[in-house]
Protein backbone atom coordinates (compact mmCIF):
# COMPACT_ATOMS: atom_id res chain seq x y z
CA MET A 1 66.60 91.54 126.51
CA ALA A 2 67.69 93.21 123.61
CA ASP A 3 64.08 93.77 122.24
CA ASN A 4 62.64 95.12 125.13
CA PRO A 5 61.48 98.76 124.21
CA PHE A 6 63.14 100.53 126.96
CA TYR A 7 66.88 100.17 128.23
CA THR A 8 67.84 97.62 130.88
CA LEU A 9 70.93 97.15 133.44
CA ASP A 10 72.60 95.27 130.78
CA ASP A 11 72.48 98.00 128.45
CA PHE A 12 74.98 100.30 130.33
CA ASP A 13 78.46 100.29 132.17
CA PHE A 14 77.99 101.73 135.76
CA ASP A 15 81.36 101.65 137.05
CA GLY A 16 81.74 104.98 138.83
CA LYS A 17 79.09 106.61 137.27
CA THR A 18 76.37 108.58 139.74
CA VAL A 19 72.86 106.96 139.24
CA LEU A 20 69.72 108.24 140.16
CA LEU A 21 68.09 105.29 141.11
CA ARG A 22 64.30 105.79 142.22
CA LEU A 23 62.71 102.84 144.33
CA ASP A 24 59.52 102.43 145.57
CA ILE A 25 59.73 101.29 149.09
CA ASN A 26 56.74 102.65 150.45
CA SER A 27 56.27 100.11 153.36
CA PRO A 28 53.86 99.27 156.36
CA ILE A 29 54.47 101.36 159.62
CA ASP A 30 53.34 100.72 162.83
CA PRO A 31 51.54 103.77 163.84
CA THR A 32 52.39 103.39 167.52
CA THR A 33 56.08 102.78 167.41
CA MET A 34 56.83 104.58 163.84
CA ASN A 35 58.66 101.14 163.10
CA ILE A 36 58.58 99.76 159.47
CA LEU A 37 56.49 96.16 159.46
CA ASP A 38 57.60 94.62 156.56
CA ASP A 39 60.42 94.80 154.31
CA THR A 40 59.62 92.65 151.57
CA ARG A 41 59.62 95.99 149.17
CA ILE A 42 63.22 97.03 150.42
CA ARG A 43 64.02 93.26 149.92
CA ALA A 44 62.84 93.59 146.31
CA VAL A 45 64.89 95.77 145.11
CA LEU A 46 68.62 94.26 146.38
CA PRO A 47 69.41 93.10 142.66
CA THR A 48 69.16 96.33 140.89
CA ILE A 49 71.59 97.78 143.93
CA GLN A 50 73.89 95.11 143.58
CA ASP A 51 73.93 95.11 139.76
CA LEU A 52 75.03 98.55 139.88
CA GLY A 53 78.18 97.33 141.40
CA ASN A 54 80.85 100.17 141.72
CA ALA A 55 78.51 102.92 141.00
CA LYS A 56 78.14 105.69 143.26
CA ILE A 57 74.05 105.13 144.13
CA VAL A 58 71.83 108.18 144.67
CA ILE A 59 68.64 106.53 145.91
CA LEU A 60 65.41 108.94 145.99
CA ALA A 61 62.40 107.24 147.31
CA HIS A 62 58.91 108.09 148.99
CA GLN A 63 56.88 106.47 152.08
CA SER A 64 53.10 107.33 152.12
CA LYS A 65 51.48 110.87 150.79
CA PRO A 66 50.98 114.26 153.04
CA GLY A 67 48.35 113.91 155.69
CA LYS A 68 49.10 110.02 156.50
CA SER A 69 50.11 108.92 159.90
CA ASP A 70 52.92 106.75 158.11
CA PHE A 71 54.37 109.99 155.85
CA THR A 72 57.41 109.71 157.27
CA PRO A 73 61.05 110.56 156.64
CA LEU A 74 63.48 107.96 155.43
CA LYS A 75 66.17 107.12 158.24
CA GLU A 76 64.49 103.74 159.09
CA HIS A 77 64.52 102.72 155.55
CA GLY A 78 68.03 103.56 155.21
CA LYS A 79 68.83 101.34 158.16
CA ILE A 80 66.99 98.74 156.77
CA LEU A 81 68.39 98.77 153.65
CA ALA A 82 72.21 99.12 155.16
CA ASN A 83 71.34 95.68 157.03
CA LEU A 84 70.05 93.67 154.13
CA LEU A 85 72.61 94.99 151.70
CA GLY A 86 75.45 94.37 154.07
CA ARG A 87 77.19 97.88 153.05
CA LYS A 88 77.16 101.68 154.55
CA VAL A 89 74.07 103.64 153.44
CA THR A 90 74.08 107.04 154.00
CA TYR A 91 70.59 109.11 155.22
CA VAL A 92 70.90 112.79 153.72
CA ASP A 93 67.82 114.36 155.30
CA SER A 94 67.11 117.17 152.31
CA LEU A 95 66.70 116.32 148.73
CA PHE A 96 68.26 118.64 145.89
CA ASP A 97 69.31 121.56 148.15
CA THR A 98 73.45 123.17 148.28
CA ARG A 99 73.74 119.91 151.03
CA ALA A 100 72.40 117.16 148.97
CA LEU A 101 74.16 118.17 145.86
CA ASP A 102 77.67 118.43 147.25
CA THR A 103 77.20 115.51 149.26
CA ILE A 104 76.42 113.61 145.63
CA LYS A 105 79.51 115.11 144.06
CA ALA A 106 81.77 114.14 147.14
CA MET A 107 80.40 110.81 146.70
CA LYS A 108 83.24 107.43 145.64
CA PRO A 109 82.59 104.61 143.56
CA TRP A 110 80.46 102.06 145.71
CA GLU A 111 78.71 104.51 148.25
CA ILE A 112 75.27 104.72 148.71
CA ILE A 113 73.13 107.72 150.00
CA LEU A 114 69.42 107.57 150.64
CA LEU A 115 67.75 111.55 150.25
CA GLU A 116 64.57 112.19 152.03
CA ASN A 117 61.04 111.34 151.27
CA THR A 118 60.48 113.02 147.53
CA ARG A 119 57.18 113.79 148.81
CA PHE A 120 58.30 116.38 151.54
CA TYR A 121 58.86 118.57 148.66
CA SER A 122 55.56 119.92 147.09
CA GLU A 123 57.03 119.64 143.51
CA ASP A 124 57.03 115.60 143.52
CA VAL A 125 53.47 116.30 144.53
CA ALA A 126 52.01 119.76 143.28
CA LEU A 127 52.88 118.45 139.56
CA LYS A 128 51.71 115.27 139.46
CA ASP A 129 50.13 114.17 136.36
CA LYS A 130 51.46 117.53 134.61
CA LYS A 131 53.14 116.75 130.87
CA PRO A 132 56.62 115.09 131.19
CA ASP A 133 57.97 118.83 129.47
CA ILE A 134 56.77 120.18 132.68
CA GLN A 135 57.69 117.74 135.11
CA ALA A 136 61.21 117.64 133.71
CA ARG A 137 61.65 121.29 133.79
CA SER A 138 60.97 121.03 137.94
CA HIS A 139 63.98 121.90 140.26
CA ILE A 140 63.88 118.18 141.51
CA VAL A 141 64.56 117.06 138.46
CA GLN A 142 67.18 120.20 136.99
CA ARG A 143 69.19 120.30 140.11
CA LEU A 144 69.51 116.17 140.49
CA SER A 145 70.13 115.32 136.90
CA SER A 146 73.23 118.05 137.22
CA VAL A 147 75.19 115.99 139.23
CA ALA A 148 74.30 112.41 137.68
CA ASP A 149 75.09 110.43 134.84
CA TYR A 150 71.87 107.54 134.62
CA TYR A 151 68.33 107.52 135.97
CA VAL A 152 67.64 103.97 137.09
CA CYS A 153 63.78 103.69 137.83
CA GLU A 154 63.25 100.86 140.41
CA ALA A 155 59.37 101.76 141.57
CA PHE A 156 57.11 99.23 139.44
CA ALA A 157 54.78 99.57 142.17
CA ALA A 158 54.24 103.60 141.40
CA ALA A 159 54.05 102.91 137.90
CA HIS A 160 50.78 104.11 137.40
CA ARG A 161 51.94 107.40 139.29
CA SER A 162 53.08 110.72 136.84
CA GLN A 163 55.33 112.29 139.31
CA PRO A 164 58.58 114.53 138.46
CA THR A 165 60.72 111.67 140.34
CA LEU A 166 59.03 108.89 138.49
CA ILE A 167 59.03 109.85 134.75
CA GLY A 168 61.00 113.83 135.27
CA PHE A 169 64.17 112.50 134.73
CA ALA A 170 63.41 109.96 132.08
CA GLU A 171 63.08 113.44 129.77
CA VAL A 172 66.08 114.85 130.25
CA MET A 173 68.83 111.80 130.75
CA PRO A 174 68.97 108.29 129.82
CA ALA A 175 66.48 106.49 132.51
CA ILE A 176 66.86 102.41 132.45
CA ALA A 177 64.31 100.23 134.45
CA GLY A 178 66.07 98.44 137.23
CA ARG A 179 65.64 94.43 137.58
CA LEU A 180 62.77 94.41 139.58
CA MET A 181 60.92 96.41 137.09
CA GLU A 182 62.07 94.37 133.68
CA SER A 183 60.80 91.81 135.34
CA GLU A 184 57.39 92.80 136.20
CA LEU A 185 57.06 94.08 132.76
CA CYS A 186 57.67 90.83 130.98
CA THR A 187 56.58 88.33 133.32
CA LEU A 188 53.07 90.43 133.19
CA GLY A 189 53.62 90.37 129.26
CA LYS A 190 54.01 87.02 129.35
CA LEU A 191 50.97 86.49 131.30
CA LEU A 192 48.64 88.59 129.41
CA THR A 193 48.93 86.99 125.84
CA LYS A 194 46.09 87.53 123.32
CA ASP A 195 44.44 84.02 123.86
CA ASP A 196 42.05 82.38 126.08
CA GLY A 197 44.41 80.19 128.24
CA LEU A 198 44.55 82.35 131.48
CA THR A 199 42.59 81.12 134.56
CA ALA A 200 42.31 84.01 136.58
CA ILE A 201 41.30 84.14 140.58
CA LEU A 202 39.63 87.14 141.60
CA GLY A 203 39.22 87.47 145.61
CA GLY A 204 39.64 90.00 148.51
CA THR A 205 37.98 93.63 149.17
CA LYS A 206 38.55 95.46 145.89
CA VAL A 207 35.61 94.19 144.29
CA ASP A 208 35.89 97.51 141.53
CA ASP A 209 39.56 96.64 140.46
CA SER A 210 38.38 93.11 140.05
CA LEU A 211 35.46 93.73 138.01
CA ASN A 212 37.72 96.21 135.69
CA VAL A 213 40.22 93.31 135.24
CA LEU A 214 37.72 90.88 134.77
CA LYS A 215 35.44 93.21 131.96
CA TYR A 216 39.04 93.87 130.39
CA MET A 217 40.02 90.16 130.01
CA LEU A 218 36.72 89.13 129.07
CA GLU A 219 36.00 91.53 126.53
CA ASN A 220 39.72 90.99 124.62
CA ASN A 221 39.23 87.00 124.93
CA MET A 222 41.90 86.37 127.33
CA LEU A 223 40.03 84.10 129.83
CA ALA A 224 39.83 80.17 130.31
CA GLN A 225 37.63 80.82 133.10
CA ALA A 226 37.71 83.38 136.53
CA LEU A 227 37.38 81.73 140.02
CA THR A 228 36.01 84.17 142.78
CA GLY A 229 36.52 84.25 146.28
CA GLY A 230 36.41 87.01 149.18
CA LEU A 231 34.14 89.92 148.95
CA VAL A 232 34.75 89.19 145.14
CA ALA A 233 32.66 85.92 144.82
CA ASN A 234 29.79 87.80 147.85
CA LEU A 235 28.99 90.52 145.11
CA PHE A 236 28.45 87.68 142.29
CA LEU A 237 26.68 85.56 144.32
CA LYS A 238 24.20 88.63 145.26
CA ALA A 239 23.82 89.44 141.19
CA GLU A 240 22.77 86.01 141.02
CA GLY A 241 20.04 86.65 143.57
CA TYR A 242 21.66 84.93 146.91
CA ASP A 243 20.47 86.54 150.06
CA LEU A 244 23.93 86.40 151.82
CA GLY A 245 22.09 87.16 155.32
CA LYS A 246 22.64 90.40 157.34
CA ALA A 247 26.29 90.01 158.42
CA SER A 248 28.01 89.86 154.95
CA GLU A 249 25.13 92.04 153.45
CA ASP A 250 26.10 94.43 156.04
CA PHE A 251 29.73 94.11 155.66
CA MET A 252 29.25 94.30 151.39
CA GLU A 253 27.23 97.61 152.04
CA LYS A 254 29.96 98.65 154.03
CA GLU A 255 33.02 97.72 152.34
CA ILE A 256 31.51 98.41 148.28
CA PRO A 257 31.29 102.28 147.49
CA GLU A 258 28.80 101.94 144.64
CA LEU A 259 27.18 98.62 145.55
CA ALA A 260 24.33 98.76 143.46
CA LYS A 261 26.14 99.84 140.40
CA MET A 262 28.84 97.18 141.29
CA LEU A 263 26.05 94.52 141.35
CA GLU A 264 24.78 95.40 137.94
CA GLU A 265 27.84 95.51 136.19
CA ALA A 266 28.46 91.92 138.17
CA ARG A 267 24.54 90.79 136.52
CA ALA A 268 25.69 92.34 133.21
CA LEU A 269 28.95 90.06 133.15
CA MET A 270 27.21 87.36 134.10
CA ASP A 271 24.89 87.36 131.72
CA ARG A 272 27.43 87.56 128.90
CA TYR A 273 29.83 85.30 129.85
CA PRO A 274 28.18 82.85 131.78
CA ASP A 275 30.38 79.85 131.10
CA LYS A 276 33.13 81.81 132.38
CA ILE A 277 33.18 82.79 136.17
CA GLN A 278 32.67 80.65 139.08
CA VAL A 279 31.35 81.35 142.14
CA PRO A 280 31.33 79.21 145.27
CA VAL A 281 29.59 76.47 145.63
CA ASP A 282 29.80 76.09 149.61
CA LEU A 283 31.39 79.02 151.76
CA GLY A 284 33.36 79.09 155.56
CA LEU A 285 31.49 81.17 158.04
CA ASN A 286 32.59 82.52 161.41
CA ASN A 287 30.83 81.57 164.02
CA ASN A 288 32.55 83.32 167.28
CA GLY A 289 35.66 81.84 165.69
CA GLU A 290 34.23 78.51 164.85
CA ARG A 291 34.49 77.65 160.87
CA LEU A 292 30.65 76.26 159.37
CA ARG A 293 30.36 75.05 156.39
CA LEU A 294 27.39 76.27 154.48
CA SER A 295 26.15 75.07 151.17
CA ILE A 296 24.74 78.25 148.72
CA ASP A 297 21.71 76.20 148.26
CA GLU A 298 21.14 77.02 151.96
CA LEU A 299 21.71 80.41 152.15
CA PRO A 300 21.23 83.30 154.00
CA ALA A 301 23.37 83.14 156.66
CA GLU A 302 23.03 83.45 160.39
CA PHE A 303 27.01 84.61 160.71
CA PRO A 304 29.35 86.28 158.11
CA ILE A 305 31.34 84.61 154.93
CA HIS A 306 34.92 84.44 155.86
CA ASP A 307 35.72 81.75 153.23
CA ILE A 308 35.33 79.42 150.46
CA GLY A 309 34.18 76.05 151.24
CA LEU A 310 35.72 72.18 150.81
CA GLU A 311 33.87 71.43 148.20
CA THR A 312 34.68 74.89 146.41
CA THR A 313 38.15 74.59 146.75
CA VAL A 314 38.39 71.28 145.26
CA ASP A 315 36.43 72.87 142.26
CA TYR A 316 39.05 75.67 142.13
CA ILE A 317 41.90 72.93 142.28
CA ASP A 318 41.18 71.00 139.79
CA GLU A 319 40.61 74.34 137.26
CA ILE A 320 44.30 75.36 138.42
CA MET A 321 45.91 71.88 138.19
CA SER A 322 44.82 71.93 134.17
CA ALA A 323 45.37 75.62 133.48
CA GLU A 324 47.84 76.92 131.23
CA ARG A 325 48.52 79.84 133.18
CA CYS A 326 47.15 81.23 136.32
CA MET A 327 46.87 84.70 138.15
CA LEU A 328 45.67 85.26 141.82
CA ASN A 329 44.80 88.41 142.79
CA GLY A 330 43.13 88.72 146.45
CA PRO A 331 42.80 86.17 149.21
CA MET A 332 39.83 83.76 149.21
CA GLY A 333 39.10 84.79 152.53
CA VAL A 334 40.04 86.12 155.84
CA PHE A 335 43.16 84.24 155.83
CA GLU A 336 44.94 86.59 158.57
CA LEU A 337 42.89 83.69 161.00
CA ASP A 338 44.00 80.25 161.24
CA GLU A 339 40.36 78.68 160.65
CA PHE A 340 39.53 80.73 157.55
CA ASP A 341 42.97 80.53 155.66
CA PHE A 342 41.82 77.19 154.06
CA GLY A 343 40.99 78.23 150.85
CA THR A 344 43.62 80.88 150.10
CA LEU A 345 46.18 78.23 151.46
CA HIS A 346 44.91 75.01 149.18
CA VAL A 347 44.21 77.49 146.09
CA LEU A 348 47.70 78.94 146.26
CA LYS A 349 49.01 75.69 147.13
CA ALA A 350 47.58 74.01 144.05
CA MET A 351 49.49 76.87 141.64
CA THR A 352 52.91 75.69 143.00
CA GLU A 353 52.25 72.20 141.87
CA SER A 354 50.40 72.96 138.42
CA GLU A 355 52.26 73.46 135.50
CA CYS A 356 50.78 76.64 135.34
CA PHE A 357 52.85 79.44 134.67
CA SER A 358 51.60 81.11 137.84
CA VAL A 359 51.37 84.71 138.84
CA VAL A 360 50.15 86.76 142.25
CA GLY A 361 49.61 90.12 143.05
CA GLY A 362 48.43 91.96 145.41
CA GLY A 363 49.29 93.56 148.85
CA HIS A 364 46.98 91.04 150.62
CA THR A 365 47.79 88.50 148.57
CA ALA A 366 51.52 88.34 149.01
CA ALA A 367 51.08 88.46 152.13
CA ALA A 368 49.40 85.47 152.45
CA VAL A 369 52.39 83.70 150.17
CA GLU A 370 54.67 84.87 153.06
CA LYS A 371 52.50 83.57 155.64
CA PHE A 372 51.76 80.19 153.92
CA GLY A 373 56.02 80.04 152.74
CA LEU A 374 55.08 79.72 149.38
CA ARG A 375 56.79 82.77 147.88
CA SER A 376 60.12 81.25 146.13
CA GLN A 377 58.12 78.11 144.77
CA MET A 378 55.85 80.98 143.01
CA ASP A 379 56.96 81.98 138.83
CA HIS A 380 56.50 85.40 140.05
CA VAL A 381 55.09 87.67 143.14
CA SER A 382 54.14 90.89 142.25
CA THR A 383 54.76 94.62 144.04
CA GLY A 384 52.30 95.92 142.22
CA GLY A 385 48.63 97.39 143.13
CA GLY A 386 47.52 100.27 141.60
CA ALA A 387 50.16 99.38 138.85
CA LEU A 388 49.32 95.85 138.39
CA ILE A 389 45.76 96.48 138.24
CA ASN A 390 46.60 99.07 135.71
CA PHE A 391 48.47 96.67 133.75
CA LEU A 392 46.17 93.94 133.73
CA THR A 393 43.04 96.17 132.64
CA GLY A 394 45.47 97.02 129.62
CA LYS A 395 46.20 100.79 130.89
CA GLU A 396 49.50 102.59 129.66
CA LEU A 397 51.38 103.02 133.12
CA PRO A 398 53.09 106.33 132.71
CA VAL A 399 56.46 105.11 133.93
CA VAL A 400 56.60 102.65 131.25
CA GLU A 401 56.16 105.48 128.47
CA ALA A 402 58.49 107.71 130.13
CA LEU A 403 61.37 104.49 130.09
CA LYS A 404 60.32 103.94 126.33
CA ARG A 405 60.62 107.56 125.18
CA SER A 406 63.98 108.05 126.57
CA LYS A 407 65.00 104.91 124.91
CA ALA A 408 63.73 105.96 121.61
CA ARG A 409 64.78 109.58 122.05
CA CYS A 410 68.60 108.08 122.89
CA GLU A 411 68.92 106.02 120.05
CA LYS A 412 67.64 108.98 118.10
CA ASN A 413 69.85 111.02 118.97
CA GLY A 414 72.92 108.31 118.81
């Protein structure tokens, strides 16, 4: 798009050029076998690699972070990427030493190499959140930029991070958004237009994120309605004065840090915007695997709450079918268990059947979309977690700001 404040792949000819391609292919890994369990993020970057055509592609990526059990080399990622592309991907178990640089210099057009996990190297961790010019002077950036022509960032899921391999290259060479990055930013921008036509469905267990999103959207007059599910709904029910029962309240205390503060914030939002936030009117309880329905008027519950109920689901479907734009972040219940996937399944199906512009985001939400086979029917499935939440709360994303600076600087310098 010509009016983008950042470069896209359409702005350059990459034929025969050396491209540093920063990906976010950080994937869930089985702690026992160390095998990658889900290749969704790897699949998501394929269009960018394909659109780079005859370029010499040098991939930089990370997996997890120091101290975590899934902090692994990227060899397995390379194998999966090669299988998906149907092209050879050469794995190099170093990042910016002489061997890595010599390998890059010897590349031929169409070749792809994958360098080692960027977070194995102290600079990419130690210089986190430093000023862009400091990150640009890192050895990683200085050495790799010396053997490349362009930097392409295809790491929206890490766009809220500020590290040398994410923003440093943008200070010293043309920085370009990959197809997924471009799609995420343009689509989410369309979702968050400044009017009250958005229906937000907020569920899952990340209550603080949902409260921040809700507060920002309500204060900026973006919301038609907010529909709540999961632990988010339980918090608002508790804030309204309902006793949920020992099982659900014990779980809430365990899962929500600063619960008293979160309850206070929820009450304040409901007091200020009483007609904008919907809570369930009935619930699905888990009695040793058996689903039981309970009206909220019958609370407290003996058994833990695992889903929204039938009546609530019908109410939410009605809201979605009449919505102009719809965004879901977080499932309505414990969808991983078939007895309790009802609310999540039917809310997602309504989004595919409605004429509304539909966007879903968050790791668990994406997993639910995959479980139900609905990905292709959604207008957009965001790959972002923290990046998505930051975007939805109006915060600047360091990677996006770096892309903008790069375009402005290159255009100024001709």
